[in-house]
Amino acid sequence: MSFEDQRIRARARFGLRSLAIGLLLWPAVSLAAPADRIAVNVDQAKLVKLPPKVATIIVGNPLIADVTLQGGGVVVVTGKGYGATNFIAMDRAGDILVDRLIQVEGPSDQIVTVYKGVDRESYSCMPICQRRVTLGDADKYFSLTINQAGSLSNQAAGSAASAALGAKN
C-alpha cells in the first residue's frame, strides 16, 4: 500500500469519526435553548429579569405572548397561543436594551385529546380528567367550556363580595 493510499484512508477514518461524533452530539446541541430565547407554555407565565432602565415593551404578536413590565426591570411573559414572537425592551430615550425571542409551547400537564369526527376536545388528566380549553378545540366545546368557567368565576367573585360586605356589617 502506497503512502498516498494510507493518507486517503486516514482522512476517511477521520471523516467518519467526525461524522459519528457530530451525530451523537446533534440532539444535545439542537435541544439547547439559545440564551436569547424565552420558552413558556401556553396559559402559563414566566418571570424574566431585564435591565432596570426599561421604560417601553413592544410585543411582536400579542396573540402568541403577553409581556407585562413590573418594577425593577422584571417582566411577566405569559403564553397566549402556540408559536414564536419577539419582544423589544427600550429605555426612555428609545434605545433598544433587549430584543428576545419568545417560544410558546404546548401545555406541560397531561392532556388527553378526544376526536369526534373532525371536532376536537381537550381534557386535563391530573389525576381525574376535567375539561380544558386548548387552542384548536371545536368551537362548540371551546365556547361551552369558556362560558362555564366565566360563570363560575363570576359566581365566586360575587360570593367573595357578599362575604366582604357581611364582614363589614
Protein backbone atom coordinates (compact mmCIF):
# COMPACT_ATOMS: atom_id res chain seq x y z
CA MET A 1 0.00 0.00 0.00
CA SER A 2 1.41 3.36 -1.01
CA PHE A 3 1.84 6.38 1.21
CA GLU A 4 -0.92 8.19 -0.72
CA ASP A 5 -3.39 5.33 -0.09
CA GLN A 6 -2.60 5.46 3.63
CA ARG A 7 -3.28 9.23 3.71
CA ILE A 8 -6.63 8.77 1.94
CA ARG A 9 -7.67 6.03 4.38
CA ALA A 10 -6.59 8.12 7.38
CA ARG A 11 -8.69 11.06 6.11
CA ALA A 12 -11.66 8.77 5.52
CA ARG A 13 -11.41 7.38 9.07
CA PHE A 14 -11.14 10.92 10.48
CA GLY A 15 -14.17 12.00 8.45
CA LEU A 16 -16.23 9.02 9.64
CA ARG A 17 -15.24 9.64 13.26
CA SER A 18 -16.14 13.32 12.96
CA LEU A 19 -19.49 12.41 11.43
CA ALA A 20 -20.23 9.89 14.19
CA ILE A 21 -19.33 12.39 16.93
CA GLY A 22 -21.46 15.04 15.25
CA LEU A 23 -24.43 12.69 15.06
CA LEU A 24 -24.04 11.79 18.73
CA LEU A 25 -23.82 15.44 19.83
CA TRP A 26 -26.52 16.79 17.49
CA PRO A 27 -29.52 16.09 19.82
CA ALA A 28 -27.86 17.87 22.74
CA VAL A 29 -26.93 20.88 20.63
CA SER A 30 -30.33 21.12 18.93
CA LEU A 31 -32.24 20.88 22.23
CA ALA A 32 -30.18 23.52 23.97
CA ALA A 33 -32.13 26.78 24.18
CA PRO A 34 -30.35 29.83 22.85
CA ALA A 35 -29.58 32.40 25.53
CA ASP A 36 -31.82 34.99 23.85
CA ARG A 37 -34.89 32.70 23.72
CA ILE A 38 -37.60 32.53 26.37
CA ALA A 39 -39.61 29.30 26.39
CA VAL A 40 -43.02 29.45 28.07
CA ASN A 41 -46.02 27.14 27.96
CA VAL A 42 -49.45 28.20 26.76
CA ASP A 43 -51.55 29.56 29.66
CA GLN A 44 -48.52 29.88 31.92
CA ALA A 45 -46.32 32.78 32.97
CA LYS A 46 -42.61 33.19 33.49
CA LEU A 47 -40.67 35.98 35.23
CA VAL A 48 -37.70 37.42 33.34
CA LYS A 49 -35.20 39.92 34.72
CA LEU A 50 -34.27 42.81 32.43
CA PRO A 51 -32.09 45.88 32.87
CA PRO A 52 -33.71 48.31 35.33
CA LYS A 53 -33.81 51.17 32.77
CA VAL A 54 -36.61 49.55 30.71
CA ALA A 55 -39.44 52.01 30.02
CA THR A 56 -41.25 50.53 26.99
CA ILE A 57 -42.08 46.98 25.92
CA ILE A 58 -43.15 46.07 22.38
CA VAL A 59 -44.51 42.58 21.60
CA GLY A 60 -44.34 41.35 18.01
CA ASN A 61 -47.54 39.29 18.14
CA PRO A 62 -49.69 39.74 21.27
CA LEU A 63 -51.83 36.74 20.24
CA ILE A 64 -48.83 34.50 20.96
CA ALA A 65 -47.46 36.11 24.14
CA ASP A 66 -48.14 38.93 26.54
CA VAL A 67 -45.29 40.79 28.23
CA THR A 68 -46.03 42.99 31.23
CA LEU A 69 -43.43 45.30 32.75
CA GLN A 70 -43.15 45.24 36.54
CA GLY A 71 -40.97 47.33 38.83
CA GLY A 72 -37.22 46.82 38.96
CA GLY A 73 -36.83 45.59 35.39
CA VAL A 74 -38.87 42.41 35.85
CA VAL A 75 -41.30 41.35 33.12
CA VAL A 76 -44.03 38.72 33.21
CA VAL A 77 -44.15 36.70 29.98
CA THR A 78 -47.47 34.86 29.52
CA GLY A 79 -48.01 32.29 26.76
CA LYS A 80 -51.25 33.05 24.89
CA GLY A 81 -51.01 30.95 21.71
CA TYR A 82 -48.64 28.48 20.08
CA GLY A 83 -45.72 29.79 18.07
CA ALA A 84 -42.92 32.27 18.28
CA THR A 85 -42.80 36.03 18.55
CA ASN A 86 -40.38 38.57 19.93
CA PHE A 87 -40.35 41.43 22.37
CA ILE A 88 -38.26 44.54 22.41
CA ALA A 89 -37.44 46.49 25.57
CA MET A 90 -36.40 50.13 25.21
CA ASP A 91 -35.31 52.84 27.61
CA ARG A 92 -36.85 56.35 27.80
CA ALA A 93 -34.52 57.62 25.07
CA GLY A 94 -35.75 54.91 22.68
CA ASP A 95 -32.54 52.89 22.76
CA ILE A 96 -33.08 49.14 22.45
CA LEU A 97 -31.93 47.33 25.57
CA VAL A 98 -33.25 43.84 24.79
CA ASP A 99 -34.62 42.05 21.72
CA ARG A 100 -35.58 38.49 22.65
CA LEU A 101 -37.46 35.63 21.04
CA ILE A 102 -40.42 34.10 22.90
CA GLN A 103 -41.27 30.48 22.05
CA VAL A 104 -44.72 29.43 23.28
CA GLU A 105 -45.07 25.68 23.55
CA GLY A 106 -47.81 23.21 24.41
CA PRO A 107 -49.14 22.68 27.91
CA SER A 108 -46.98 20.78 30.38
CA ASP A 109 -49.82 18.91 32.10
CA GLN A 110 -51.16 15.58 30.91
CA ILE A 111 -53.63 16.33 28.14
CA VAL A 112 -55.99 13.80 26.64
CA THR A 113 -57.35 14.78 23.23
CA VAL A 114 -60.65 13.30 22.09
CA TYR A 115 -61.62 13.50 18.42
CA LYS A 116 -65.27 13.29 17.43
CA GLY A 117 -65.02 13.27 13.65
CA VAL A 118 -63.10 16.47 12.90
CA ASP A 119 -64.09 18.10 16.21
CA ARG A 120 -61.52 18.06 18.99
CA GLU A 121 -61.95 18.23 22.78
CA SER A 122 -59.15 18.50 25.34
CA TYR A 123 -59.07 17.21 28.89
CA SER A 124 -56.50 17.75 31.63
CA CYS A 125 -55.98 14.44 33.41
CA MET A 126 -54.16 15.04 36.70
CA PRO A 127 -55.33 12.52 38.06
CA ILE A 128 -59.03 12.89 37.11
CA CYS A 129 -59.89 14.13 33.61
CA GLN A 130 -61.55 17.57 33.53
CA ARG A 131 -62.47 19.77 30.58
CA ARG A 132 -59.62 22.01 29.47
CA VAL A 133 -59.82 24.71 26.86
CA THR A 134 -56.99 24.35 24.37
CA LEU A 135 -56.40 26.29 21.18
CA GLY A 136 -57.68 24.18 18.31
CA ASP A 137 -60.64 22.65 20.17
CA ALA A 138 -64.02 22.56 18.39
CA ASP A 139 -65.88 25.90 18.55
CA LYS A 140 -68.92 24.50 20.40
CA TYR A 141 -66.78 22.72 23.04
CA PHE A 142 -64.48 25.75 23.40
CA SER A 143 -67.39 28.21 23.85
CA LEU A 144 -69.28 25.97 26.28
CA THR A 145 -66.20 25.41 28.46
CA ILE A 146 -65.23 29.11 28.43
CA ASN A 147 -68.78 30.15 29.35
CA GLN A 148 -68.89 27.67 32.23
CA ALA A 149 -65.53 28.86 33.55
CA GLY A 150 -66.65 32.52 33.26
CA SER A 151 -69.91 31.80 35.06
CA LEU A 152 -68.08 30.01 37.86
CA SER A 153 -65.59 32.87 38.16
CA ASN A 154 -68.40 35.47 38.32
CA GLN A 155 -70.23 33.47 41.00
CA ALA A 156 -67.06 33.16 43.05
CA ALA A 157 -66.38 36.91 42.75
CA GLY A 158 -69.99 37.65 43.76
CA SER A 159 -69.74 35.36 46.79
CA ALA A 160 -66.46 36.98 47.82
CA ALA A 161 -68.02 40.46 47.54
CA SER A 162 -71.06 39.38 49.58
CA ALA A 163 -68.80 37.89 52.24
CA ALA A 164 -66.74 41.10 52.40
CA LEU A 165 -69.91 43.20 52.83
CA GLY A 166 -71.18 40.83 55.51
CA ALA A 167 -67.89 41.13 57.39
CA LYS A 168 -68.16 44.95 57.40
CA ASN A 169 -71.68 44.88 58.93
